[in-house]
Amino acid sequence: MKKVKIIKVIDGDTMKDSRGTFYRLSGIDTPEKGKRGYNQAKEKLQDKVEGETVYIKTEGKSYGRLVVEARVKGKKSTVNESMKRAGFGV
């Protein structure tokens, strides 16, 4: 697993690290900007990862982003699992 510092959440399933790399959470599908639920999903992910050190396991690539499973340092469950429990799973 790779350790990165998340500096910005783009939307409910995409985030950016301090080196400018974009990550998309695998198994998560949140509303796009302008759609109902977009702000809720984005805020949920911001609360979980923005400013945090995150461990990333790459599972593939999609639209220039790495598709990943992410875990915040010190947390038992992955960010992916947490977002699914919040109703944003595929």
PDB file of N, CA and C in Angstrom:
ATOM      1  N   MET A   1       0.834  -1.185   0.000  1.00  0.00           N
ATOM      2  CA  MET A   1       0.000   0.000   0.000  1.00  0.00           C
ATOM      3  C   MET A   1       0.876   1.245   0.000  1.00  0.00           C
ATOM      4  N   LYS A   2       0.386   2.241  -0.682  1.00  0.00           N
ATOM      5  CA  LYS A   2       1.090   3.516  -0.805  1.00  0.00           C
ATOM      6  C   LYS A   2       0.475   4.522   0.175  1.00  0.00           C
ATOM      7  N   LYS A   3       1.301   5.315   0.823  1.00  0.00           N
ATOM      8  CA  LYS A   3       0.828   6.315   1.782  1.00  0.00           C
ATOM      9  C   LYS A   3       0.840   7.682   1.102  1.00  0.00           C
ATOM     10  N   VAL A   4      -0.327   8.387   1.152  1.00  0.00           N
ATOM     11  CA  VAL A   4      -0.442   9.708   0.533  1.00  0.00           C
ATOM     12  C   VAL A   4      -1.168  10.666   1.471  1.00  0.00           C
ATOM     13  N   LYS A   5      -0.992  11.949   1.237  1.00  0.00           N
ATOM     14  CA  LYS A   5      -1.697  12.991   1.993  1.00  0.00           C
ATOM     15  C   LYS A   5      -2.767  13.570   1.064  1.00  0.00           C
ATOM     16  N   ILE A   6      -4.032  13.458   1.457  1.00  0.00           N
ATOM     17  CA  ILE A   6      -5.137  13.968   0.651  1.00  0.00           C
ATOM     18  C   ILE A   6      -5.323  15.453   0.961  1.00  0.00           C
ATOM     19  N   ILE A   7      -5.259  16.272  -0.092  1.00  0.00           N
ATOM     20  CA  ILE A   7      -5.388  17.714   0.112  1.00  0.00           C
ATOM     21  C   ILE A   7      -6.722  18.265  -0.383  1.00  0.00           C
ATOM     22  N   LYS A   8      -7.405  17.499  -1.261  1.00  0.00           N
ATOM     23  CA  LYS A   8      -8.657  18.023  -1.796  1.00  0.00           C
ATOM     24  C   LYS A   8      -9.588  16.888  -2.204  1.00  0.00           C
ATOM     25  N   VAL A   9     -10.870  17.062  -1.890  1.00  0.00           N
ATOM     26  CA  VAL A   9     -11.913  16.148  -2.346  1.00  0.00           C
ATOM     27  C   VAL A   9     -12.599  16.837  -3.521  1.00  0.00           C
ATOM     28  N   ILE A  10     -12.694  16.139  -4.637  1.00  0.00           N
ATOM     29  CA  ILE A  10     -13.280  16.686  -5.853  1.00  0.00           C
ATOM     30  C   ILE A  10     -14.793  16.490  -5.854  1.00  0.00           C
ATOM     31  N   ASP A  11     -15.206  15.280  -5.495  1.00  0.00           N
ATOM     32  CA  ASP A  11     -16.623  14.951  -5.358  1.00  0.00           C
ATOM     33  C   ASP A  11     -16.735  13.773  -4.403  1.00  0.00           C
ATOM     34  N   GLY A  12     -17.845  13.090  -4.381  1.00  0.00           N
ATOM     35  CA  GLY A  12     -18.054  12.035  -3.408  1.00  0.00           C
ATOM     36  C   GLY A  12     -17.256  10.763  -3.610  1.00  0.00           C
ATOM     37  N   ASP A  13     -16.582  10.640  -4.754  1.00  0.00           N
ATOM     38  CA  ASP A  13     -15.771   9.436  -4.973  1.00  0.00           C
ATOM     39  C   ASP A  13     -14.394   9.726  -5.559  1.00  0.00           C
ATOM     40  N   THR A  14     -13.998  10.998  -5.626  1.00  0.00           N
ATOM     41  CA  THR A  14     -12.704  11.362  -6.208  1.00  0.00           C
ATOM     42  C   THR A  14     -11.969  12.329  -5.284  1.00  0.00           C
ATOM     43  N   MET A  15     -10.666  12.090  -5.134  1.00  0.00           N
ATOM     44  CA  MET A  15      -9.838  12.924  -4.261  1.00  0.00           C
ATOM     45  C   MET A  15      -8.471  13.119  -4.895  1.00  0.00           C
ATOM     46  N   LYS A  16      -7.737  14.105  -4.393  1.00  0.00           N
ATOM     47  CA  LYS A  16      -6.432  14.470  -4.946  1.00  0.00           C
ATOM     48  C   LYS A  16      -5.407  14.521  -3.825  1.00  0.00           C
ATOM     49  N   ASP A  17      -4.205  13.999  -4.112  1.00  0.00           N
ATOM     50  CA  ASP A  17      -3.160  14.026  -3.091  1.00  0.00           C
ATOM     51  C   ASP A  17      -2.240  15.235  -3.259  1.00  0.00           C
ATOM     52  N   SER A  18      -1.282  15.361  -2.360  1.00  0.00           N
ATOM     53  CA  SER A  18      -0.383  16.516  -2.331  1.00  0.00           C
ATOM     54  C   SER A  18       0.554  16.573  -3.536  1.00  0.00           C
ATOM     55  N   ARG A  19       0.657  15.487  -4.295  1.00  0.00           N
ATOM     56  CA  ARG A  19       1.503  15.466  -5.494  1.00  0.00           C
ATOM     57  C   ARG A  19       0.701  15.694  -6.771  1.00  0.00           C
ATOM     58  N   GLY A  20      -0.610  15.888  -6.616  1.00  0.00           N
ATOM     59  CA  GLY A  20      -1.455  16.158  -7.778  1.00  0.00           C
ATOM     60  C   GLY A  20      -2.068  14.933  -8.421  1.00  0.00           C
ATOM     61  N   THR A  21      -1.919  13.772  -7.798  1.00  0.00           N
ATOM     62  CA  THR A  21      -2.497  12.542  -8.324  1.00  0.00           C
ATOM     63  C   THR A  21      -3.957  12.446  -7.909  1.00  0.00           C
ATOM     64  N   PHE A  22      -4.812  12.049  -8.856  1.00  0.00           N
ATOM     65  CA  PHE A  22      -6.237  11.892  -8.582  1.00  0.00           C
ATOM     66  C   PHE A  22      -6.560  10.419  -8.348  1.00  0.00           C
ATOM     67  N   TYR A  23      -7.440  10.175  -7.375  1.00  0.00           N
ATOM     68  CA  TYR A  23      -7.860   8.820  -7.019  1.00  0.00           C
ATOM     69  C   TYR A  23      -9.378   8.738  -7.044  1.00  0.00           C
ATOM     70  N   ARG A  24      -9.889   7.625  -7.574  1.00  0.00           N
ATOM     71  CA  ARG A  24     -11.326   7.357  -7.553  1.00  0.00           C
ATOM     72  C   ARG A  24     -11.544   6.119  -6.699  1.00  0.00           C
ATOM     73  N   LEU A  25     -12.457   6.199  -5.752  1.00  0.00           N
ATOM     74  CA  LEU A  25     -12.739   5.062  -4.877  1.00  0.00           C
ATOM     75  C   LEU A  25     -13.432   3.955  -5.659  1.00  0.00           C
ATOM     76  N   SER A  26     -12.946   2.743  -5.526  1.00  0.00           N
ATOM     77  CA  SER A  26     -13.572   1.604  -6.205  1.00  0.00           C
ATOM     78  C   SER A  26     -14.862   1.215  -5.489  1.00  0.00           C
ATOM     79  N   GLY A  27     -15.832   0.754  -6.265  1.00  0.00           N
ATOM     80  CA  GLY A  27     -17.080   0.265  -5.698  1.00  0.00           C
ATOM     81  C   GLY A  27     -18.006   1.355  -5.195  1.00  0.00           C
ATOM     82  N   ILE A  28     -17.692   2.595  -5.517  1.00  0.00           N
ATOM     83  CA  ILE A  28     -18.485   3.742  -5.062  1.00  0.00           C
ATOM     84  C   ILE A  28     -18.965   4.504  -6.291  1.00  0.00           C
ATOM     85  N   ASP A  29     -20.209   4.952  -6.263  1.00  0.00           N
ATOM     86  CA  ASP A  29     -20.733   5.773  -7.346  1.00  0.00           C
ATOM     87  C   ASP A  29     -21.599   6.860  -6.730  1.00  0.00           C
ATOM     88  N   THR A  30     -21.095   8.070  -6.708  1.00  0.00           N
ATOM     89  CA  THR A  30     -21.830   9.179  -6.099  1.00  0.00           C
ATOM     90  C   THR A  30     -22.367  10.105  -7.182  1.00  0.00           C
ATOM     91  N   PRO A  31     -23.374  10.902  -6.850  1.00  0.00           N
ATOM     92  CA  PRO A  31     -23.962  11.821  -7.832  1.00  0.00           C
ATOM     93  C   PRO A  31     -22.945  12.838  -8.358  1.00  0.00           C
ATOM     94  N   GLU A  32     -23.092  13.176  -9.633  1.00  0.00           N
ATOM     95  CA  GLU A  32     -22.233  14.182 -10.255  1.00  0.00           C
ATOM     96  C   GLU A  32     -22.700  15.579  -9.856  1.00  0.00           C
ATOM     97  N   LYS A  33     -21.832  16.549 -10.052  1.00  0.00           N
ATOM     98  CA  LYS A  33     -22.140  17.940  -9.711  1.00  0.00           C
ATOM     99  C   LYS A  33     -23.449  18.367 -10.383  1.00  0.00           C
ATOM    100  N   GLY A  34     -24.289  19.020  -9.598  1.00  0.00           N
ATOM    101  CA  GLY A  34     -25.577  19.468 -10.100  1.00  0.00           C
ATOM    102  C   GLY A  34     -26.701  18.469  -9.887  1.00  0.00           C
ATOM    103  N   LYS A  35     -26.344  17.258  -9.471  1.00  0.00           N
ATOM    104  CA  LYS A  35     -27.347  16.217  -9.224  1.00  0.00           C
ATOM    105  C   LYS A  35     -27.667  16.149  -7.735  1.00  0.00           C
ATOM    106  N   ARG A  36     -28.857  15.671  -7.452  1.00  0.00           N
ATOM    107  CA  ARG A  36     -29.303  15.514  -6.070  1.00  0.00           C
ATOM    108  C   ARG A  36     -28.375  14.568  -5.300  1.00  0.00           C
ATOM    109  N   GLY A  37     -27.939  14.982  -4.139  1.00  0.00           N
ATOM    110  CA  GLY A  37     -27.059  14.174  -3.292  1.00  0.00           C
ATOM    111  C   GLY A  37     -25.580  14.461  -3.473  1.00  0.00           C
ATOM    112  N   TYR A  38     -25.233  15.280  -4.474  1.00  0.00           N
ATOM    113  CA  TYR A  38     -23.823  15.580  -4.744  1.00  0.00           C
ATOM    114  C   TYR A  38     -23.136  16.194  -3.522  1.00  0.00           C
ATOM    115  N   ASN A  39     -23.737  17.251  -2.979  1.00  0.00           N
ATOM    116  CA  ASN A  39     -23.117  17.940  -1.842  1.00  0.00           C
ATOM    117  C   ASN A  39     -22.980  17.032  -0.627  1.00  0.00           C
ATOM    118  N   GLN A  40     -23.984  16.228  -0.372  1.00  0.00           N
ATOM    119  CA  GLN A  40     -23.951  15.306   0.768  1.00  0.00           C
ATOM    120  C   GLN A  40     -22.799  14.316   0.625  1.00  0.00           C
ATOM    121  N   ALA A  41     -22.640  13.747  -0.566  1.00  0.00           N
ATOM    122  CA  ALA A  41     -21.572  12.772  -0.803  1.00  0.00           C
ATOM    123  C   ALA A  41     -20.198  13.425  -0.693  1.00  0.00           C
ATOM    124  N   LYS A  42     -20.053  14.602  -1.279  1.00  0.00           N
ATOM    125  CA  LYS A  42     -18.765  15.298  -1.234  1.00  0.00           C
ATOM    126  C   LYS A  42     -18.386  15.644   0.205  1.00  0.00           C
ATOM    127  N   GLU A  43     -19.338  16.165   0.966  1.00  0.00           N
ATOM    128  CA  GLU A  43     -19.071  16.523   2.359  1.00  0.00           C
ATOM    129  C   GLU A  43     -18.708  15.305   3.190  1.00  0.00           C
ATOM    130  N   LYS A  44     -19.360  14.179   2.930  1.00  0.00           N
ATOM    131  CA  LYS A  44     -19.074  12.941   3.659  1.00  0.00           C
ATOM    132  C   LYS A  44     -17.623  12.514   3.419  1.00  0.00           C
ATOM    133  N   LEU A  45     -17.203  12.554   2.144  1.00  0.00           N
ATOM    134  CA  LEU A  45     -15.830  12.167   1.829  1.00  0.00           C
ATOM    135  C   LEU A  45     -14.840  13.190   2.389  1.00  0.00           C
ATOM    136  N   GLN A  46     -15.171  14.462   2.323  1.00  0.00           N
ATOM    137  CA  GLN A  46     -14.284  15.483   2.912  1.00  0.00           C
ATOM    138  C   GLN A  46     -14.064  15.219   4.393  1.00  0.00           C
ATOM    139  N   ASP A  47     -15.125  14.910   5.108  1.00  0.00           N
ATOM    140  CA  ASP A  47     -15.017  14.634   6.539  1.00  0.00           C
ATOM    141  C   ASP A  47     -14.088  13.461   6.821  1.00  0.00           C
ATOM    142  N   LYS A  48     -14.064  12.515   5.909  1.00  0.00           N
ATOM    143  CA  LYS A  48     -13.266  11.302   6.119  1.00  0.00           C
ATOM    144  C   LYS A  48     -11.801  11.451   5.737  1.00  0.00           C
ATOM    145  N   VAL A  49     -11.499  12.163   4.630  1.00  0.00           N
ATOM    146  CA  VAL A  49     -10.138  12.100   4.105  1.00  0.00           C
ATOM    147  C   VAL A  49      -9.386  13.412   3.935  1.00  0.00           C
ATOM    148  N   GLU A  50     -10.077  14.529   3.802  1.00  0.00           N
ATOM    149  CA  GLU A  50      -9.370  15.767   3.494  1.00  0.00           C
ATOM    150  C   GLU A  50      -8.416  16.142   4.617  1.00  0.00           C
ATOM    151  N   GLY A  51      -7.147  16.329   4.258  1.00  0.00           N
ATOM    152  CA  GLY A  51      -6.108  16.658   5.230  1.00  0.00           C
ATOM    153  C   GLY A  51      -5.526  15.457   5.944  1.00  0.00           C
ATOM    154  N   GLU A  52      -5.985  14.273   5.593  1.00  0.00           N
ATOM    155  CA  GLU A  52      -5.557  13.039   6.275  1.00  0.00           C
ATOM    156  C   GLU A  52      -4.488  12.288   5.483  1.00  0.00           C
ATOM    157  N   THR A  53      -3.709  11.493   6.206  1.00  0.00           N
ATOM    158  CA  THR A  53      -2.810  10.532   5.578  1.00  0.00           C
ATOM    159  C   THR A  53      -3.633   9.296   5.277  1.00  0.00           C
ATOM    160  N   VAL A  54      -3.579   8.851   4.028  1.00  0.00           N
ATOM    161  CA  VAL A  54      -4.406   7.742   3.567  1.00  0.00           C
ATOM    162  C   VAL A  54      -3.517   6.689   2.919  1.00  0.00           C
ATOM    163  N   TYR A  55      -3.815   5.431   3.199  1.00  0.00           N
ATOM    164  CA  TYR A  55      -3.123   4.320   2.565  1.00  0.00           C
ATOM    165  C   TYR A  55      -3.945   3.881   1.367  1.00  0.00           C
ATOM    166  N   ILE A  56      -3.297   3.787   0.215  1.00  0.00           N
ATOM    167  CA  ILE A  56      -3.956   3.537  -1.056  1.00  0.00           C
ATOM    168  C   ILE A  56      -3.520   2.188  -1.629  1.00  0.00           C
ATOM    169  N   LYS A  57      -4.499   1.404  -2.052  1.00  0.00           N
ATOM    170  CA  LYS A  57      -4.229   0.162  -2.764  1.00  0.00           C
ATOM    171  C   LYS A  57      -4.844   0.326  -4.154  1.00  0.00           C
ATOM    172  N   THR A  58      -4.004   0.383  -5.184  1.00  0.00           N
ATOM    173  CA  THR A  58      -4.473   0.610  -6.551  1.00  0.00           C
ATOM    174  C   THR A  58      -5.086  -0.654  -7.129  1.00  0.00           C
ATOM    175  N   GLU A  59      -6.260  -0.486  -7.729  1.00  0.00           N
ATOM    176  CA  GLU A  59      -6.974  -1.609  -8.340  1.00  0.00           C
ATOM    177  C   GLU A  59      -7.125  -1.457  -9.846  1.00  0.00           C
ATOM    178  N   GLY A  60      -6.805  -0.276 -10.373  1.00  0.00           N
ATOM    179  CA  GLY A  60      -6.914  -0.045 -11.809  1.00  0.00           C
ATOM    180  C   GLY A  60      -6.816   1.432 -12.131  1.00  0.00           C
ATOM    181  N   LYS A  61      -7.240   1.774 -13.365  1.00  0.00           N
ATOM    182  CA  LYS A  61      -7.238   3.165 -13.815  1.00  0.00           C
ATOM    183  C   LYS A  61      -8.537   3.458 -14.534  1.00  0.00           C
ATOM    184  N   SER A  62      -8.984   4.708 -14.440  1.00  0.00           N
ATOM    185  CA  SER A  62     -10.205   5.131 -15.118  1.00  0.00           C
ATOM    186  C   SER A  62     -10.153   6.638 -15.360  1.00  0.00           C
ATOM    187  N   TYR A  63     -10.251   7.056 -16.601  1.00  0.00           N
ATOM    188  CA  TYR A  63     -10.285   8.477 -16.964  1.00  0.00           C
ATOM    189  C   TYR A  63      -9.149   9.272 -16.328  1.00  0.00           C
ATOM    190  N   GLY A  64      -7.944   8.735 -16.361  1.00  0.00           N
ATOM    191  CA  GLY A  64      -6.778   9.437 -15.844  1.00  0.00           C
ATOM    192  C   GLY A  64      -6.621   9.403 -14.341  1.00  0.00           C
ATOM    193  N   ARG A  65      -7.499   8.666 -13.666  1.00  0.00           N
ATOM    194  CA  ARG A  65      -7.419   8.552 -12.204  1.00  0.00           C
ATOM    195  C   ARG A  65      -7.084   7.114 -11.836  1.00  0.00           C
ATOM    196  N   LEU A  66      -6.411   6.954 -10.712  1.00  0.00           N
ATOM    197  CA  LEU A  66      -6.182   5.614 -10.187  1.00  0.00           C
ATOM    198  C   LEU A  66      -7.437   5.189  -9.428  1.00  0.00           C
ATOM    199  N   VAL A  67      -7.916   3.993  -9.698  1.00  0.00           N
ATOM    200  CA  VAL A  67      -9.065   3.439  -8.978  1.00  0.00           C
ATOM    201  C   VAL A  67      -8.489   2.685  -7.786  1.00  0.00           C
ATOM    202  N   VAL A  68      -8.967   3.043  -6.586  1.00  0.00           N
ATOM    203  CA  VAL A  68      -8.292   2.568  -5.377  1.00  0.00           C
ATOM    204  C   VAL A  68      -9.247   2.138  -4.275  1.00  0.00           C
ATOM    205  N   GLU A  69      -8.653   1.378  -3.365  1.00  0.00           N
ATOM    206  CA  GLU A  69      -9.250   1.146  -2.055  1.00  0.00           C
ATOM    207  C   GLU A  69      -8.409   2.009  -1.115  1.00  0.00           C
ATOM    208  N   ALA A  70      -9.054   2.764  -0.230  1.00  0.00           N
ATOM    209  CA  ALA A  70      -8.338   3.708   0.627  1.00  0.00           C
ATOM    210  C   ALA A  70      -8.669   3.460   2.094  1.00  0.00           C
ATOM    211  N   ARG A  71      -7.664   3.631   2.927  1.00  0.00           N
ATOM    212  CA  ARG A  71      -7.850   3.487   4.376  1.00  0.00           C
ATOM    213  C   ARG A  71      -7.144   4.653   5.062  1.00  0.00           C
ATOM    214  N   VAL A  72      -7.874   5.353   5.913  1.00  0.00           N
ATOM    215  CA  VAL A  72      -7.282   6.448   6.686  1.00  0.00           C
ATOM    216  C   VAL A  72      -6.432   5.837   7.791  1.00  0.00           C
ATOM    217  N   LYS A  73      -5.254   6.398   7.974  1.00  0.00           N
ATOM    218  CA  LYS A  73      -4.339   5.917   9.005  1.00  0.00           C
ATOM    219  C   LYS A  73      -5.064   5.845  10.347  1.00  0.00           C
ATOM    220  N   GLY A  74      -4.979   4.680  10.996  1.00  0.00           N
ATOM    221  CA  GLY A  74      -5.574   4.492  12.316  1.00  0.00           C
ATOM    222  C   GLY A  74      -7.011   4.001  12.308  1.00  0.00           C
ATOM    223  N   LYS A  75      -7.638   3.892  11.134  1.00  0.00           N
ATOM    224  CA  LYS A  75      -9.029   3.433  11.044  1.00  0.00           C
ATOM    225  C   LYS A  75      -9.064   1.958  10.654  1.00  0.00           C
ATOM    226  N   LYS A  76     -10.054   1.227  11.171  1.00  0.00           N
ATOM    227  CA  LYS A  76     -10.171  -0.205  10.878  1.00  0.00           C
ATOM    228  C   LYS A  76     -10.787  -0.475   9.517  1.00  0.00           C
ATOM    229  N   SER A  77     -11.863   0.238   9.183  1.00  0.00           N
ATOM    230  CA  SER A  77     -12.517  -0.016   7.903  1.00  0.00           C
ATOM    231  C   SER A  77     -11.981   0.927   6.831  1.00  0.00           C
ATOM    232  N   THR A  78     -12.157   0.524   5.576  1.00  0.00           N
ATOM    233  CA  THR A  78     -11.699   1.369   4.480  1.00  0.00           C
ATOM    234  C   THR A  78     -12.682   2.519   4.258  1.00  0.00           C
ATOM    235  N   VAL A  79     -12.211   3.538   3.593  1.00  0.00           N
ATOM    236  CA  VAL A  79     -13.071   4.655   3.216  1.00  0.00           C
ATOM    237  C   VAL A  79     -14.174   4.132   2.297  1.00  0.00           C
ATOM    238  N   ASN A  80     -13.813   3.195   1.420  1.00  0.00           N
ATOM    239  CA  ASN A  80     -14.781   2.595   0.496  1.00  0.00           C
ATOM    240  C   ASN A  80     -15.929   1.952   1.272  1.00  0.00           C
ATOM    241  N   GLU A  81     -15.600   1.138   2.274  1.00  0.00           N
ATOM    242  CA  GLU A  81     -16.634   0.469   3.077  1.00  0.00           C
ATOM    243  C   GLU A  81     -17.496   1.489   3.803  1.00  0.00           C
ATOM    244  N   SER A  82     -16.865   2.518   4.329  1.00  0.00           N
ATOM    245  CA  SER A  82     -17.589   3.545   5.066  1.00  0.00           C
ATOM    246  C   SER A  82     -18.552   4.304   4.160  1.00  0.00           C
ATOM    247  N   MET A  83     -18.121   4.621   2.956  1.00  0.00           N
ATOM    248  CA  MET A  83     -18.994   5.312   2.009  1.00  0.00           C
ATOM    249  C   MET A  83     -20.141   4.407   1.568  1.00  0.00           C
ATOM    250  N   LYS A  84     -19.884   3.111   1.427  1.00  0.00           N
ATOM    251  CA  LYS A  84     -20.952   2.155   1.079  1.00  0.00           C
ATOM    252  C   LYS A  84     -21.997   2.103   2.191  1.00  0.00           C
ATOM    253  N   ARG A  85     -21.526   2.077   3.438  1.00  0.00           N
ATOM    254  CA  ARG A  85     -22.467   2.055   4.571  1.00  0.00           C
ATOM    255  C   ARG A  85     -23.322   3.322   4.609  1.00  0.00           C
ATOM    256  N   ALA A  86     -22.770   4.411   4.082  1.00  0.00           N
ATOM    257  CA  ALA A  86     -23.493   5.677   4.041  1.00  0.00           C
ATOM    258  C   ALA A  86     -24.465   5.731   2.855  1.00  0.00           C
ATOM    259  N   GLY A  87     -24.504   4.652   2.055  1.00  0.00           N
ATOM    260  CA  GLY A  87     -25.450   4.571   0.948  1.00  0.00           C
ATOM    261  C   GLY A  87     -24.902   4.940  -0.415  1.00  0.00           C
ATOM    262  N   PHE A  88     -23.579   5.008  -0.547  1.00  0.00           N
ATOM    263  CA  PHE A  88     -22.997   5.407  -1.822  1.00  0.00           C
ATOM    264  C   PHE A  88     -22.310   4.266  -2.571  1.00  0.00           C
ATOM    265  N   GLY A  89     -22.595   3.022  -2.231  1.00  0.00           N
ATOM    266  CA  GLY A  89     -22.012   1.887  -2.924  1.00  0.00           C
ATOM    267  C   GLY A  89     -22.656   1.659  -4.281  1.00  0.00           C
ATOM    268  N   VAL A  90     -21.964   0.902  -5.092  1.00  0.00           N
ATOM    269  CA  VAL A  90     -22.478   0.565  -6.421  1.00  0.00           C
ATOM    270  C   VAL A  90     -23.476  -0.567  -6.295  1.00  0.00           C
TER     271      VAL A  90
END
